Amino acid sequence: MPEALFAILRATMGFYSRHIFPRLMDWVMSSQDFQRLRTDLLQDARGEVLEIGFGTGLNLVHYPASISRLSIVDPADLLPKRVSERIATVSFPVQAKHVTAETLPYPDRRFDTVVSTWTLCTIPNPVQALREVSRVLKPEGTLLFLEHGRSDDHTTAAWQDRLNPIQNVIGCGCHLNRQIDRLITQAGLRIADLDRFLLPGVPRLAGEMYRGRATPCPA
């Protein structure tokens, strides 16, 4: 393929990932069902909180006002004007860093709560990111997670495997077929609660949800 065509494709995908995809996902993930799930999960956040994969800040309004501070990490700077407006509405301090979750710039045992919502599907090395989560969590701290992932239904899982390369492109790195609970335990965290369910109105390929809490394993 000529170099000029490669350049056009790179420019097209770059525009899509920076401008079109974030707006599309912000609209989709703002639906009532997604907002309800955020509220249910984040009501248990406490103390000093870290959110990995902050995206466009849709979790912000669902945090309890009682948390002491929110630190956010995301390698992408998505819809910065919209994110700034959302940060300005909350009562707790928010500190942002544009870094990857695989190398968190925080000391050991810093956070009471770490939050991951629809993030582990996209992180290039999710196990390494979760090891970092375990490192920065206090011994009594909690990871709150809400993710989509691999189905327990063999037929659905097979289709997730087949379509994953396409999803990886149109979803800007999103994977359909990651087994979230296995990733969490592989990273050395202990799952305290796990709820598996189908998200209403979403095709099963992308609607298989993993919701729960995990804690650092005792040293």
N, C-alpha and C. Protein backbone atom coordinates (compact mmCIF):
# COMPACT_ATOMS: atom_id res chain seq x y z
N MET A 1 0.86 -1.19 0.00
CA MET A 1 0.00 0.00 0.00
C MET A 1 0.89 1.24 0.00
N PRO A 2 0.62 2.22 -0.87
CA PRO A 2 1.48 3.40 -0.94
C PRO A 2 1.55 4.14 0.38
N GLU A 3 2.70 4.78 0.62
CA GLU A 3 2.91 5.50 1.86
C GLU A 3 1.88 6.61 2.04
N ALA A 4 1.49 7.25 0.95
CA ALA A 4 0.50 8.34 1.04
C ALA A 4 -0.83 7.83 1.60
N LEU A 5 -1.22 6.61 1.19
CA LEU A 5 -2.47 6.05 1.68
C LEU A 5 -2.37 5.72 3.17
N PHE A 6 -1.22 5.21 3.58
CA PHE A 6 -1.00 4.97 5.01
C PHE A 6 -1.15 6.27 5.80
N ALA A 7 -0.60 7.35 5.27
CA ALA A 7 -0.67 8.63 5.97
C ALA A 7 -2.11 9.10 6.09
N ILE A 8 -2.91 8.90 5.04
CA ILE A 8 -4.32 9.29 5.05
C ILE A 8 -5.08 8.47 6.09
N LEU A 9 -4.82 7.16 6.13
CA LEU A 9 -5.49 6.30 7.10
C LEU A 9 -5.13 6.68 8.53
N ARG A 10 -3.85 6.98 8.77
CA ARG A 10 -3.43 7.38 10.11
C ARG A 10 -4.11 8.68 10.53
N ALA A 11 -4.18 9.63 9.60
CA ALA A 11 -4.82 10.91 9.91
C ALA A 11 -6.31 10.73 10.17
N THR A 12 -6.94 9.87 9.37
CA THR A 12 -8.37 9.62 9.54
C THR A 12 -8.66 8.98 10.89
N MET A 13 -7.88 7.95 11.24
CA MET A 13 -8.10 7.28 12.52
C MET A 13 -7.76 8.20 13.69
N GLY A 14 -6.76 9.06 13.52
CA GLY A 14 -6.43 10.00 14.58
C GLY A 14 -7.56 10.97 14.83
N PHE A 15 -8.16 11.48 13.76
CA PHE A 15 -9.30 12.40 13.92
C PHE A 15 -10.47 11.67 14.56
N TYR A 16 -10.71 10.43 14.13
CA TYR A 16 -11.81 9.63 14.69
C TYR A 16 -11.60 9.40 16.18
N SER A 17 -10.40 9.01 16.58
CA SER A 17 -10.15 8.68 17.99
C SER A 17 -10.15 9.91 18.89
N ARG A 18 -9.78 11.08 18.35
CA ARG A 18 -9.72 12.29 19.18
C ARG A 18 -11.05 13.04 19.24
N HIS A 19 -11.84 12.97 18.18
CA HIS A 19 -13.01 13.84 18.10
C HIS A 19 -14.35 13.10 17.97
N ILE A 20 -14.41 12.08 17.15
CA ILE A 20 -15.68 11.41 16.90
C ILE A 20 -15.98 10.38 17.98
N PHE A 21 -15.04 9.45 18.21
CA PHE A 21 -15.27 8.38 19.18
C PHE A 21 -15.56 8.90 20.59
N PRO A 22 -14.80 9.88 21.11
CA PRO A 22 -15.12 10.37 22.47
C PRO A 22 -16.53 10.94 22.58
N ARG A 23 -16.98 11.65 21.57
CA ARG A 23 -18.34 12.21 21.61
C ARG A 23 -19.40 11.12 21.53
N LEU A 24 -19.13 10.14 20.70
CA LEU A 24 -20.06 9.02 20.57
C LEU A 24 -20.18 8.26 21.88
N MET A 25 -19.04 7.94 22.49
CA MET A 25 -19.07 7.20 23.74
C MET A 25 -19.65 8.03 24.88
N ASP A 26 -19.38 9.32 24.90
CA ASP A 26 -19.95 10.18 25.93
C ASP A 26 -21.47 10.17 25.85
N TRP A 27 -21.99 10.17 24.64
CA TRP A 27 -23.45 10.13 24.45
C TRP A 27 -24.02 8.77 24.86
N VAL A 28 -23.39 7.69 24.39
CA VAL A 28 -23.89 6.34 24.71
C VAL A 28 -23.82 6.09 26.21
N MET A 29 -22.70 6.43 26.83
CA MET A 29 -22.48 6.11 28.24
C MET A 29 -23.20 7.05 29.19
N SER A 30 -23.92 8.03 28.64
CA SER A 30 -24.71 8.94 29.47
C SER A 30 -26.14 8.45 29.67
N SER A 31 -26.47 7.30 29.11
CA SER A 31 -27.84 6.82 29.19
C SER A 31 -28.23 6.53 30.64
N GLN A 32 -29.53 6.43 30.87
CA GLN A 32 -30.05 6.23 32.23
C GLN A 32 -29.53 4.94 32.86
N ASP A 33 -29.45 3.87 32.07
CA ASP A 33 -28.97 2.59 32.62
C ASP A 33 -27.53 2.70 33.09
N PHE A 34 -26.68 3.33 32.28
CA PHE A 34 -25.28 3.49 32.67
C PHE A 34 -25.16 4.39 33.89
N GLN A 35 -25.95 5.44 33.95
CA GLN A 35 -25.87 6.35 35.09
C GLN A 35 -26.30 5.66 36.38
N ARG A 36 -27.33 4.84 36.30
CA ARG A 36 -27.78 4.12 37.48
C ARG A 36 -26.67 3.19 37.99
N LEU A 37 -26.00 2.51 37.08
CA LEU A 37 -24.93 1.61 37.47
C LEU A 37 -23.78 2.37 38.14
N ARG A 38 -23.47 3.54 37.62
CA ARG A 38 -22.41 4.35 38.22
C ARG A 38 -22.77 4.74 39.66
N THR A 39 -24.02 5.19 39.85
CA THR A 39 -24.46 5.59 41.18
C THR A 39 -24.37 4.44 42.17
N ASP A 40 -24.84 3.26 41.75
CA ASP A 40 -24.82 2.10 42.63
C ASP A 40 -23.41 1.72 43.03
N LEU A 41 -22.47 1.78 42.07
CA LEU A 41 -21.09 1.38 42.34
C LEU A 41 -20.38 2.39 43.23
N LEU A 42 -20.51 3.68 42.90
CA LEU A 42 -19.66 4.70 43.50
C LEU A 42 -20.14 5.16 44.87
N GLN A 43 -21.31 4.74 45.27
CA GLN A 43 -21.77 5.11 46.61
C GLN A 43 -20.86 4.54 47.69
N ASP A 44 -20.07 3.51 47.35
CA ASP A 44 -19.16 2.90 48.32
C ASP A 44 -17.76 3.50 48.29
N ALA A 45 -17.51 4.48 47.41
CA ALA A 45 -16.20 5.13 47.39
C ALA A 45 -16.01 5.94 48.66
N ARG A 46 -14.78 5.94 49.18
CA ARG A 46 -14.52 6.67 50.42
C ARG A 46 -13.08 7.15 50.45
N GLY A 47 -12.84 8.16 51.29
CA GLY A 47 -11.49 8.64 51.53
C GLY A 47 -10.83 9.22 50.30
N GLU A 48 -9.55 8.89 50.12
CA GLU A 48 -8.80 9.36 48.97
C GLU A 48 -8.98 8.34 47.85
N VAL A 49 -9.45 8.84 46.70
CA VAL A 49 -9.90 7.96 45.61
C VAL A 49 -9.04 8.19 44.37
N LEU A 50 -8.71 7.10 43.69
CA LEU A 50 -8.05 7.14 42.39
C LEU A 50 -8.98 6.51 41.36
N GLU A 51 -9.19 7.21 40.25
CA GLU A 51 -9.95 6.63 39.14
C GLU A 51 -9.03 6.44 37.95
N ILE A 52 -8.93 5.21 37.45
CA ILE A 52 -8.12 4.94 36.26
C ILE A 52 -9.03 4.92 35.03
N GLY A 53 -8.54 5.50 33.92
CA GLY A 53 -9.36 5.57 32.72
C GLY A 53 -10.52 6.53 32.89
N PHE A 54 -10.22 7.77 33.23
CA PHE A 54 -11.23 8.76 33.58
C PHE A 54 -12.15 9.11 32.41
N GLY A 55 -11.64 9.02 31.19
CA GLY A 55 -12.47 9.29 30.01
C GLY A 55 -12.96 10.73 29.98
N THR A 56 -14.29 10.90 29.84
CA THR A 56 -14.87 12.25 29.77
C THR A 56 -15.52 12.67 31.08
N GLY A 57 -15.24 11.96 32.16
CA GLY A 57 -15.67 12.41 33.47
C GLY A 57 -17.10 12.11 33.85
N LEU A 58 -17.70 11.09 33.24
CA LEU A 58 -19.10 10.79 33.53
C LEU A 58 -19.33 10.27 34.95
N ASN A 59 -18.28 9.80 35.59
CA ASN A 59 -18.44 9.31 36.98
C ASN A 59 -18.55 10.45 37.99
N LEU A 60 -18.11 11.63 37.65
CA LEU A 60 -17.91 12.68 38.64
C LEU A 60 -19.13 12.95 39.50
N VAL A 61 -20.28 13.11 38.88
CA VAL A 61 -21.48 13.51 39.64
C VAL A 61 -22.01 12.38 40.52
N HIS A 62 -21.45 11.17 40.37
CA HIS A 62 -21.94 10.02 41.12
C HIS A 62 -21.10 9.72 42.36
N TYR A 63 -19.99 10.43 42.54
CA TYR A 63 -19.19 10.23 43.74
C TYR A 63 -19.88 10.90 44.94
N PRO A 64 -19.83 10.27 46.11
CA PRO A 64 -20.36 10.95 47.30
C PRO A 64 -19.51 12.17 47.63
N ALA A 65 -20.16 13.23 48.06
CA ALA A 65 -19.44 14.47 48.38
C ALA A 65 -18.47 14.29 49.53
N SER A 66 -18.60 13.20 50.27
CA SER A 66 -17.77 12.97 51.46
C SER A 66 -16.36 12.49 51.13
N ILE A 67 -16.06 12.11 49.88
CA ILE A 67 -14.69 11.66 49.60
C ILE A 67 -13.75 12.84 49.78
N SER A 68 -12.51 12.57 50.19
CA SER A 68 -11.60 13.66 50.53
C SER A 68 -10.89 14.24 49.32
N ARG A 69 -10.60 13.41 48.32
CA ARG A 69 -9.89 13.87 47.13
C ARG A 69 -10.06 12.82 46.03
N LEU A 70 -10.11 13.29 44.79
CA LEU A 70 -10.15 12.38 43.66
C LEU A 70 -8.94 12.63 42.77
N SER A 71 -8.13 11.60 42.57
CA SER A 71 -7.04 11.65 41.60
C SER A 71 -7.48 10.86 40.37
N ILE A 72 -7.20 11.40 39.19
CA ILE A 72 -7.65 10.75 37.95
C ILE A 72 -6.46 10.57 37.02
N VAL A 73 -6.41 9.40 36.37
CA VAL A 73 -5.36 9.15 35.39
C VAL A 73 -5.99 8.66 34.10
N ASP A 74 -5.48 9.17 32.99
CA ASP A 74 -5.89 8.73 31.67
C ASP A 74 -4.84 9.22 30.69
N PRO A 75 -4.31 8.34 29.83
CA PRO A 75 -3.29 8.80 28.89
C PRO A 75 -3.84 9.76 27.84
N ALA A 76 -5.15 9.71 27.60
CA ALA A 76 -5.77 10.58 26.60
C ALA A 76 -6.39 11.81 27.27
N ASP A 77 -6.41 12.90 26.53
CA ASP A 77 -7.04 14.14 27.00
C ASP A 77 -8.31 14.33 26.18
N LEU A 78 -9.39 13.66 26.61
CA LEU A 78 -10.61 13.61 25.81
C LEU A 78 -11.56 14.75 26.16
N LEU A 79 -12.05 15.44 25.14
CA LEU A 79 -13.04 16.51 25.30
C LEU A 79 -12.68 17.41 26.49
N PRO A 80 -11.53 18.05 26.47
CA PRO A 80 -11.03 18.77 27.65
C PRO A 80 -11.97 19.86 28.16
N LYS A 81 -12.65 20.58 27.27
CA LYS A 81 -13.56 21.64 27.72
C LYS A 81 -14.72 21.03 28.51
N ARG A 82 -15.27 19.94 28.00
CA ARG A 82 -16.39 19.29 28.67
C ARG A 82 -15.95 18.72 30.02
N VAL A 83 -14.76 18.13 30.05
CA VAL A 83 -14.24 17.56 31.29
C VAL A 83 -14.01 18.66 32.33
N SER A 84 -13.43 19.78 31.91
CA SER A 84 -13.19 20.88 32.84
C SER A 84 -14.50 21.40 33.44
N GLU A 85 -15.53 21.49 32.62
CA GLU A 85 -16.83 21.95 33.12
C GLU A 85 -17.40 20.97 34.14
N ARG A 86 -17.21 19.69 33.92
CA ARG A 86 -17.72 18.69 34.86
C ARG A 86 -16.94 18.72 36.16
N ILE A 87 -15.63 18.87 36.08
CA ILE A 87 -14.81 18.94 37.30
C ILE A 87 -15.21 20.15 38.13
N ALA A 88 -15.56 21.25 37.48
CA ALA A 88 -15.90 22.48 38.19
C ALA A 88 -17.19 22.36 39.01
N THR A 89 -17.98 21.33 38.75
CA THR A 89 -19.27 21.21 39.45
C THR A 89 -19.18 20.44 40.76
N VAL A 90 -18.06 19.76 41.03
CA VAL A 90 -17.99 18.92 42.22
C VAL A 90 -17.36 19.67 43.38
N SER A 91 -17.65 19.22 44.59
CA SER A 91 -17.21 19.94 45.79
C SER A 91 -15.86 19.47 46.31
N PHE A 92 -15.35 18.33 45.83
CA PHE A 92 -14.09 17.80 46.32
C PHE A 92 -12.97 18.13 45.33
N PRO A 93 -11.72 18.20 45.80
CA PRO A 93 -10.61 18.50 44.89
C PRO A 93 -10.34 17.35 43.93
N VAL A 94 -9.98 17.71 42.70
CA VAL A 94 -9.68 16.73 41.65
C VAL A 94 -8.30 17.04 41.08
N GLN A 95 -7.44 16.04 41.02
CA GLN A 95 -6.11 16.18 40.45
C GLN A 95 -5.95 15.20 39.30
N ALA A 96 -5.57 15.70 38.13
CA ALA A 96 -5.49 14.88 36.92
C ALA A 96 -4.05 14.70 36.47
N LYS A 97 -3.76 13.49 35.98
CA LYS A 97 -2.47 13.20 35.37
C LYS A 97 -2.72 12.40 34.09
N HIS A 98 -2.07 12.81 33.01
CA HIS A 98 -2.23 12.10 31.74
C HIS A 98 -1.11 11.07 31.60
N VAL A 99 -1.31 9.95 32.29
CA VAL A 99 -0.35 8.85 32.31
C VAL A 99 -1.12 7.54 32.15
N THR A 100 -0.40 6.47 31.89
CA THR A 100 -1.03 5.16 31.76
C THR A 100 -1.19 4.52 33.13
N ALA A 101 -2.16 3.63 33.24
CA ALA A 101 -2.39 2.93 34.50
C ALA A 101 -1.32 1.90 34.79
N GLU A 102 -0.54 1.51 33.79
CA GLU A 102 0.52 0.53 34.02
C GLU A 102 1.69 1.09 34.83
N THR A 103 1.81 2.41 34.90
CA THR A 103 2.90 3.04 35.65
C THR A 103 2.31 4.21 36.44
N LEU A 104 1.63 3.91 37.52
CA LEU A 104 0.97 4.96 38.31
C LEU A 104 2.00 5.78 39.09
N PRO A 105 1.93 7.10 39.01
CA PRO A 105 2.94 7.96 39.65
C PRO A 105 2.59 8.29 41.10
N TYR A 106 2.30 7.27 41.89
CA TYR A 106 1.88 7.47 43.27
C TYR A 106 2.65 6.50 44.17
N PRO A 107 2.84 6.89 45.43
CA PRO A 107 3.55 6.00 46.36
C PRO A 107 2.69 4.80 46.75
N ASP A 108 3.34 3.80 47.31
CA ASP A 108 2.63 2.62 47.80
C ASP A 108 1.60 3.01 48.86
N ARG A 109 0.49 2.27 48.87
CA ARG A 109 -0.52 2.38 49.92
C ARG A 109 -1.04 3.82 50.09
N ARG A 110 -1.31 4.45 48.99
CA ARG A 110 -1.76 5.85 49.02
C ARG A 110 -3.29 5.97 49.12
N PHE A 111 -4.05 5.08 48.46
CA PHE A 111 -5.47 5.32 48.25
C PHE A 111 -6.36 4.38 49.07
N ASP A 112 -7.49 4.94 49.50
CA ASP A 112 -8.52 4.15 50.15
C ASP A 112 -9.37 3.39 49.14
N THR A 113 -9.60 4.00 47.98
CA THR A 113 -10.46 3.42 46.95
C THR A 113 -9.84 3.65 45.58
N VAL A 114 -9.87 2.64 44.74
CA VAL A 114 -9.54 2.79 43.32
C VAL A 114 -10.78 2.39 42.53
N VAL A 115 -11.07 3.15 41.48
CA VAL A 115 -12.27 2.93 40.67
C VAL A 115 -11.87 2.66 39.23
N SER A 116 -12.49 1.64 38.66
CA SER A 116 -12.32 1.32 37.23
C SER A 116 -13.68 1.01 36.63
N THR A 117 -14.15 1.87 35.72
CA THR A 117 -15.43 1.64 35.06
C THR A 117 -15.23 1.63 33.55
N TRP A 118 -15.51 0.50 32.95
CA TRP A 118 -15.37 0.32 31.50
C TRP A 118 -14.00 0.80 31.01
N THR A 119 -12.98 0.34 31.72
CA THR A 119 -11.61 0.76 31.46
C THR A 119 -10.69 -0.41 31.15
N LEU A 120 -10.85 -1.52 31.87
CA LEU A 120 -9.94 -2.66 31.72
C LEU A 120 -10.03 -3.30 30.34
N CYS A 121 -11.10 -3.02 29.62
CA CYS A 121 -11.23 -3.54 28.25
C CYS A 121 -10.23 -2.89 27.30
N THR A 122 -9.71 -1.72 27.65
CA THR A 122 -8.91 -0.92 26.72
C THR A 122 -7.44 -0.84 27.10
N ILE A 123 -7.11 -0.95 28.36
CA ILE A 123 -5.71 -0.83 28.80
C ILE A 123 -4.85 -1.89 28.11
N PRO A 124 -3.75 -1.50 27.48
CA PRO A 124 -2.93 -2.49 26.75
C PRO A 124 -2.46 -3.65 27.61
N ASN A 125 -2.04 -3.39 28.84
CA ASN A 125 -1.59 -4.46 29.74
C ASN A 125 -2.42 -4.38 31.02
N PRO A 126 -3.62 -4.96 31.02
CA PRO A 126 -4.51 -4.80 32.18
C PRO A 126 -3.98 -5.44 33.45
N VAL A 127 -3.26 -6.56 33.35
CA VAL A 127 -2.73 -7.21 34.56
C VAL A 127 -1.70 -6.32 35.22
N GLN A 128 -0.81 -5.71 34.44
CA GLN A 128 0.18 -4.80 35.01
C GLN A 128 -0.50 -3.60 35.65
N ALA A 129 -1.54 -3.08 35.01
CA ALA A 129 -2.28 -1.95 35.58
C ALA A 129 -2.92 -2.34 36.92
N LEU A 130 -3.46 -3.53 36.99
CA LEU A 130 -4.08 -4.00 38.23
C LEU A 130 -3.04 -4.27 39.32
N ARG A 131 -1.85 -4.69 38.93
CA ARG A 131 -0.77 -4.81 39.91
C ARG A 131 -0.43 -3.45 40.50
N GLU A 132 -0.44 -2.43 39.66
CA GLU A 132 -0.21 -1.07 40.13
C GLU A 132 -1.34 -0.63 41.06
N VAL A 133 -2.57 -1.00 40.72
CA VAL A 133 -3.70 -0.70 41.60
C VAL A 133 -3.48 -1.33 42.96
N SER A 134 -3.08 -2.59 42.98
CA SER A 134 -2.83 -3.28 44.24
C SER A 134 -1.73 -2.58 45.04
N ARG A 135 -0.72 -2.09 44.34
CA ARG A 135 0.40 -1.42 45.01
C ARG A 135 -0.03 -0.13 45.69
N VAL A 136 -0.87 0.66 45.02
CA VAL A 136 -1.22 1.99 45.56
C VAL A 136 -2.41 1.94 46.52
N LEU A 137 -3.08 0.79 46.60
CA LEU A 137 -4.18 0.66 47.56
C LEU A 137 -3.64 0.44 48.98
N LYS A 138 -4.29 1.06 49.96
CA LYS A 138 -3.99 0.75 51.34
C LYS A 138 -4.37 -0.71 51.63
N PRO A 139 -3.76 -1.34 52.63
CA PRO A 139 -4.08 -2.74 52.92
C PRO A 139 -5.57 -2.99 53.12
N GLU A 140 -6.28 -2.01 53.68
CA GLU A 140 -7.72 -2.15 53.89
C GLU A 140 -8.52 -1.48 52.77
N GLY A 141 -7.83 -1.07 51.68
CA GLY A 141 -8.49 -0.36 50.59
C GLY A 141 -9.30 -1.29 49.68
N THR A 142 -10.02 -0.67 48.74
CA THR A 142 -10.94 -1.41 47.88
C THR A 142 -10.85 -0.94 46.43
N LEU A 143 -10.81 -1.89 45.52
CA LEU A 143 -11.01 -1.62 44.10
C LEU A 143 -12.49 -1.82 43.79
N LEU A 144 -13.15 -0.78 43.28
CA LEU A 144 -14.52 -0.88 42.80
C LEU A 144 -14.47 -0.97 41.28
N PHE A 145 -15.02 -2.03 40.70
CA PHE A 145 -14.93 -2.21 39.26
C PHE A 145 -16.29 -2.47 38.63
N LEU A 146 -16.45 -1.96 37.43
CA LEU A 146 -17.64 -2.16 36.61
C LEU A 146 -17.18 -2.21 35.17
N GLU A 147 -17.20 -3.40 34.58
CA GLU A 147 -16.58 -3.62 33.28
C GLU A 147 -17.45 -4.53 32.42
N HIS A 148 -17.26 -4.44 31.11
CA HIS A 148 -17.84 -5.45 30.23
C HIS A 148 -16.74 -6.42 29.84
N GLY A 149 -17.12 -7.65 29.50
CA GLY A 149 -16.08 -8.61 29.18
C GLY A 149 -16.60 -9.91 28.61
N ARG A 150 -15.80 -10.94 28.76
CA ARG A 150 -16.06 -12.23 28.14
C ARG A 150 -17.31 -12.89 28.72
N SER A 151 -18.11 -13.43 27.83
CA SER A 151 -19.34 -14.11 28.22
C SER A 151 -19.04 -15.52 28.73
N ASP A 152 -19.89 -16.00 29.65
CA ASP A 152 -19.84 -17.40 30.08
C ASP A 152 -20.52 -18.33 29.08
N ASP A 153 -21.28 -17.75 28.16
CA ASP A 153 -21.94 -18.52 27.12
C ASP A 153 -20.94 -18.80 26.01
N HIS A 154 -20.71 -20.08 25.69
CA HIS A 154 -19.64 -20.44 24.76
C HIS A 154 -19.87 -19.87 23.36
N THR A 155 -21.11 -19.85 22.90
CA THR A 155 -21.38 -19.32 21.58
C THR A 155 -21.10 -17.82 21.52
N THR A 156 -21.57 -17.10 22.54
CA THR A 156 -21.32 -15.66 22.60
C THR A 156 -19.83 -15.37 22.68
N ALA A 157 -19.12 -16.13 23.52
CA ALA A 157 -17.68 -15.92 23.67
C ALA A 157 -16.94 -16.18 22.36
N ALA A 158 -17.38 -17.19 21.60
CA ALA A 158 -16.74 -17.47 20.32
C ALA A 158 -16.91 -16.31 19.35
N TRP A 159 -18.10 -15.71 19.36
CA TRP A 159 -18.33 -14.54 18.50
C TRP A 159 -17.55 -13.33 19.00
N GLN A 160 -17.40 -13.21 20.30
CA GLN A 160 -16.56 -12.13 20.83
C GLN A 160 -15.12 -12.27 20.32
N ASP A 161 -14.62 -13.50 20.30
CA ASP A 161 -13.27 -13.74 19.80
C ASP A 161 -13.16 -13.39 18.32
N ARG A 162 -14.17 -13.77 17.54
CA ARG A 162 -14.14 -13.51 16.10
C ARG A 162 -14.18 -12.02 15.79
N LEU A 163 -15.01 -11.29 16.53
CA LEU A 163 -15.22 -9.88 16.24
C LEU A 163 -14.28 -8.95 16.98
N ASN A 164 -13.47 -9.50 17.87
CA ASN A 164 -12.60 -8.65 18.68
C ASN A 164 -11.63 -7.81 17.84
N PRO A 165 -11.02 -8.33 16.78
CA PRO A 165 -10.11 -7.47 15.99
C PRO A 165 -10.82 -6.25 15.39
N ILE A 166 -12.09 -6.42 14.98
CA ILE A 166 -12.84 -5.29 14.44
C ILE A 166 -13.17 -4.30 15.55
N GLN A 167 -13.63 -4.83 16.67
CA GLN A 167 -13.95 -3.98 17.81
C GLN A 167 -12.73 -3.20 18.28
N ASN A 168 -11.57 -3.83 18.22
CA ASN A 168 -10.34 -3.19 18.66
C ASN A 168 -10.04 -1.93 17.86
N VAL A 169 -10.44 -1.95 16.58
CA VAL A 169 -10.22 -0.78 15.72
C VAL A 169 -11.30 0.27 15.94
N ILE A 170 -12.57 -0.13 15.81
CA ILE A 170 -13.65 0.87 15.90
C ILE A 170 -13.86 1.36 17.33
N GLY A 171 -13.42 0.55 18.31
CA GLY A 171 -13.54 0.94 19.71
C GLY A 171 -12.28 1.54 20.28
N CYS A 172 -11.33 1.90 19.41
CA CYS A 172 -10.09 2.57 19.84
C CYS A 172 -9.37 1.80 20.94
N GLY A 173 -9.16 0.50 20.69
CA GLY A 173 -8.42 -0.34 21.63
C GLY A 173 -9.27 -1.19 22.54
N CYS A 174 -10.60 -1.07 22.45
CA CYS A 174 -11.49 -1.84 23.31
C CYS A 174 -11.51 -3.31 22.90
N HIS A 175 -11.48 -4.20 23.90
CA HIS A 175 -11.57 -5.65 23.69
C HIS A 175 -12.90 -6.17 24.20
N LEU A 176 -13.53 -7.05 23.42
CA LEU A 176 -14.79 -7.65 23.81
C LEU A 176 -14.62 -8.84 24.74
N ASN A 177 -13.48 -9.49 24.70
CA ASN A 177 -13.37 -10.85 25.23
C ASN A 177 -12.44 -11.01 26.43
N ARG A 178 -12.20 -9.96 27.18
CA ARG A 178 -11.35 -10.09 28.36
C ARG A 178 -12.16 -10.61 29.55
N GLN A 179 -11.61 -11.61 30.23
CA GLN A 179 -12.27 -12.20 31.39
C GLN A 179 -11.84 -11.40 32.62
N ILE A 180 -12.66 -10.46 33.01
CA ILE A 180 -12.27 -9.45 33.98
C ILE A 180 -11.90 -10.04 35.34
N ASP A 181 -12.68 -10.99 35.82
CA ASP A 181 -12.37 -11.55 37.14
C ASP A 181 -11.02 -12.26 37.14
N ARG A 182 -10.70 -12.93 36.05
CA ARG A 182 -9.40 -13.62 35.97
C ARG A 182 -8.26 -12.61 35.95
N LEU A 183 -8.42 -11.50 35.22
CA LEU A 183 -7.37 -10.47 35.20
C LEU A 183 -7.11 -9.93 36.61
N ILE A 184 -8.18 -9.72 37.35
CA ILE A 184 -8.05 -9.16 38.70
C ILE A 184 -7.29 -10.11 39.62
N THR A 185 -7.63 -11.38 39.57
CA THR A 185 -6.95 -12.34 40.45
C THR A 185 -5.52 -12.61 39.98
N GLN A 186 -5.28 -12.56 38.66
CA GLN A 186 -3.91 -12.73 38.16
C GLN A 186 -2.99 -11.63 38.67
N ALA A 187 -3.56 -10.47 38.93
CA ALA A 187 -2.76 -9.34 39.40
C ALA A 187 -2.52 -9.39 40.91
N GLY A 188 -3.05 -10.39 41.59
CA GLY A 188 -2.80 -10.53 43.01
C GLY A 188 -3.82 -9.88 43.91
N LEU A 189 -4.96 -9.49 43.35
CA LEU A 189 -6.06 -8.95 44.14
C LEU A 189 -7.05 -10.05 44.48
N ARG A 190 -7.77 -9.87 45.56
CA ARG A 190 -8.78 -10.84 45.97
C ARG A 190 -10.17 -10.26 45.73
N ILE A 191 -11.00 -11.00 45.00
CA ILE A 191 -12.35 -10.53 44.71
C ILE A 191 -13.24 -10.80 45.92
N ALA A 192 -13.79 -9.72 46.48
CA ALA A 192 -14.67 -9.83 47.64
C ALA A 192 -16.12 -9.99 47.22
N ASP A 193 -16.52 -9.33 46.14
CA ASP A 193 -17.88 -9.44 45.61
C ASP A 193 -17.81 -9.41 44.09
N LEU A 194 -18.65 -10.22 43.44
CA LEU A 194 -18.71 -10.22 41.98
C LEU A 194 -20.14 -10.47 41.54
N ASP A 195 -20.66 -9.58 40.71
CA ASP A 195 -22.00 -9.70 40.15
C ASP A 195 -21.87 -9.74 38.64
N ARG A 196 -22.37 -10.81 38.02
CA ARG A 196 -22.39 -10.94 36.58
C ARG A 196 -23.81 -10.74 36.09
N PHE A 197 -23.99 -9.88 35.07
CA PHE A 197 -25.34 -9.62 34.56
C PHE A 197 -25.26 -9.09 33.15
N LEU A 198 -26.40 -9.10 32.47
CA LEU A 198 -26.51 -8.55 31.12
C LEU A 198 -27.09 -7.15 31.20
N LEU A 199 -26.48 -6.21 30.52
CA LEU A 199 -26.99 -4.85 30.51
C LEU A 199 -28.18 -4.76 29.56
N PRO A 200 -29.34 -4.34 30.04
CA PRO A 200 -30.53 -4.27 29.18
C PRO A 200 -30.32 -3.34 27.99
N GLY A 201 -30.83 -3.78 26.84
CA GLY A 201 -30.78 -2.94 25.66
C GLY A 201 -29.46 -2.92 24.93
N VAL A 202 -28.48 -3.70 25.42
CA VAL A 202 -27.16 -3.75 24.78
C VAL A 202 -26.94 -5.16 24.23
N PRO A 203 -26.47 -5.30 22.99
CA PRO A 203 -26.20 -6.65 22.46
C PRO A 203 -25.29 -7.44 23.40
N ARG A 204 -25.57 -8.73 23.51
CA ARG A 204 -24.86 -9.54 24.49
C ARG A 204 -23.35 -9.54 24.27
N LEU A 205 -22.91 -9.37 23.03
CA LEU A 205 -21.48 -9.32 22.74
C LEU A 205 -20.77 -8.25 23.56
N ALA A 206 -21.45 -7.13 23.81
CA ALA A 206 -20.84 -6.04 24.56
C ALA A 206 -21.55 -5.77 25.88
N GLY A 207 -22.59 -6.54 26.19
CA GLY A 207 -23.40 -6.25 27.36
C GLY A 207 -23.19 -7.17 28.54
N GLU A 208 -22.15 -8.02 28.48
CA GLU A 208 -21.83 -8.92 29.60
C GLU A 208 -21.04 -8.14 30.65
N MET A 209 -21.66 -7.89 31.79
CA MET A 209 -21.08 -7.01 32.80
C MET A 209 -20.44 -7.79 33.96
N TYR A 210 -19.38 -7.21 34.46
CA TYR A 210 -18.69 -7.66 35.68
C TYR A 210 -18.69 -6.48 36.64
N ARG A 211 -19.32 -6.63 37.78
CA ARG A 211 -19.37 -5.56 38.77
C ARG A 211 -18.98 -6.12 40.13
N GLY A 212 -18.15 -5.39 40.87
CA GLY A 212 -17.80 -5.91 42.18
C GLY A 212 -16.74 -5.11 42.92
N ARG A 213 -16.17 -5.76 43.94
CA ARG A 213 -15.14 -5.17 44.79
C ARG A 213 -13.99 -6.17 44.91
N ALA A 214 -12.79 -5.63 44.95
CA ALA A 214 -11.61 -6.45 45.18
C ALA A 214 -10.70 -5.74 46.17
N THR A 215 -9.91 -6.52 46.88
CA THR A 215 -9.03 -5.98 47.91
C THR A 215 -7.62 -6.54 47.74
N PRO A 216 -6.62 -5.83 48.23
CA PRO A 216 -5.25 -6.38 48.17
C PRO A 216 -5.16 -7.66 48.99
N CYS A 217 -4.40 -8.61 48.49
CA CYS A 217 -4.17 -9.83 49.25
C CYS A 217 -3.22 -9.51 50.41
N PRO A 218 -3.42 -10.16 51.56
CA PRO A 218 -2.52 -9.90 52.70
C PRO A 218 -1.07 -10.21 52.34
N ALA A 219 -0.18 -9.38 52.82
CA ALA A 219 1.25 -9.58 52.52
C ALA A 219 1.76 -10.84 53.18
